[in-house]
């Protein structure tokens, strides 16, 4: 997260073993600090909509 902030990244996608097993990814908005779980199939559309 610190590296992403240093780079000025808007979004960070966290995909660990547990998330992958559930078919989800955690998406963190680095500007707002919010984090949501999003279905992998909907990930691109979710980020585009923001």
C-alpha atoms as a PDB file:
ATOM      1  CA  UNK A   1       0.000   0.000   0.000  1.00  0.00           C
ATOM      2  CA  UNK A   2       2.800   2.420   0.811  1.00  0.00           C
ATOM      3  CA  UNK A   3       4.420   1.791  -2.560  1.00  0.00           C
ATOM      4  CA  UNK A   4       1.109   2.317  -4.370  1.00  0.00           C
ATOM      5  CA  UNK A   5       0.601   5.587  -2.484  1.00  0.00           C
ATOM      6  CA  UNK A   6       4.123   6.687  -3.363  1.00  0.00           C
ATOM      7  CA  UNK A   7       3.403   6.001  -7.035  1.00  0.00           C
ATOM      8  CA  UNK A   8       0.158   7.946  -6.829  1.00  0.00           C
ATOM      9  CA  UNK A   9      -1.966   4.921  -7.737  1.00  0.00           C
ATOM     10  CA  UNK A  10      -5.701   5.534  -7.632  1.00  0.00           C
ATOM     11  CA  UNK A  11      -6.676   1.878  -7.125  1.00  0.00           C
ATOM     12  CA  UNK A  12      -5.109  -1.142  -5.471  1.00  0.00           C
ATOM     13  CA  UNK A  13      -6.489  -4.611  -6.191  1.00  0.00           C
ATOM     14  CA  UNK A  14      -5.810  -7.161  -3.472  1.00  0.00           C
ATOM     15  CA  UNK A  15      -6.176 -10.769  -4.518  1.00  0.00           C
ATOM     16  CA  UNK A  16      -5.077 -13.255  -1.893  1.00  0.00           C
ATOM     17  CA  UNK A  17      -5.830 -16.947  -1.541  1.00  0.00           C
ATOM     18  CA  UNK A  18      -9.045 -16.365   0.416  1.00  0.00           C
ATOM     19  CA  UNK A  19     -10.352 -13.759  -2.026  1.00  0.00           C
ATOM     20  CA  UNK A  20      -9.510 -15.932  -4.999  1.00  0.00           C
ATOM     21  CA  UNK A  21     -11.289 -18.938  -3.466  1.00  0.00           C
ATOM     22  CA  UNK A  22     -14.416 -16.782  -3.042  1.00  0.00           C
ATOM     23  CA  UNK A  23     -14.138 -15.349  -6.573  1.00  0.00           C
ATOM     24  CA  UNK A  24     -13.611 -11.868  -5.168  1.00  0.00           C
ATOM     25  CA  UNK A  25     -10.981  -9.155  -5.121  1.00  0.00           C
ATOM     26  CA  UNK A  26     -10.604  -6.384  -2.570  1.00  0.00           C
ATOM     27  CA  UNK A  27     -10.456  -3.020  -4.341  1.00  0.00           C
ATOM     28  CA  UNK A  28      -9.079  -0.081  -2.397  1.00  0.00           C
ATOM     29  CA  UNK A  29      -9.627   3.497  -3.524  1.00  0.00           C
ATOM     30  CA  UNK A  30      -6.389   5.154  -2.461  1.00  0.00           C
ATOM     31  CA  UNK A  31      -7.871   8.673  -2.603  1.00  0.00           C
ATOM     32  CA  UNK A  32     -10.834   7.949  -0.354  1.00  0.00           C
ATOM     33  CA  UNK A  33      -9.404   5.051   1.659  1.00  0.00           C
ATOM     34  CA  UNK A  34     -12.516   2.964   0.981  1.00  0.00           C
ATOM     35  CA  UNK A  35     -12.246  -0.749   0.313  1.00  0.00           C
ATOM     36  CA  UNK A  36     -14.870  -2.985  -1.301  1.00  0.00           C
ATOM     37  CA  UNK A  37     -15.026  -6.653  -2.199  1.00  0.00           C
ATOM     38  CA  UNK A  38     -15.879  -7.053  -5.871  1.00  0.00           C
ATOM     39  CA  UNK A  39     -16.573 -10.192  -7.902  1.00  0.00           C
ATOM     40  CA  UNK A  40     -13.673 -10.973 -10.225  1.00  0.00           C
ATOM     41  CA  UNK A  41     -16.016 -11.060 -13.225  1.00  0.00           C
ATOM     42  CA  UNK A  42     -17.127  -7.490 -12.430  1.00  0.00           C
ATOM     43  CA  UNK A  43     -13.757  -6.018 -11.478  1.00  0.00           C
ATOM     44  CA  UNK A  44     -12.987  -4.047 -14.637  1.00  0.00           C
ATOM     45  CA  UNK A  45     -16.497  -2.616 -14.890  1.00  0.00           C
ATOM     46  CA  UNK A  46     -16.439  -1.675 -11.207  1.00  0.00           C
ATOM     47  CA  UNK A  47     -13.255   0.356 -11.619  1.00  0.00           C
ATOM     48  CA  UNK A  48     -14.465   1.927 -14.876  1.00  0.00           C
ATOM     49  CA  UNK A  49     -17.653   3.080 -13.174  1.00  0.00           C
ATOM     50  CA  UNK A  50     -15.793   5.022 -10.519  1.00  0.00           C
END
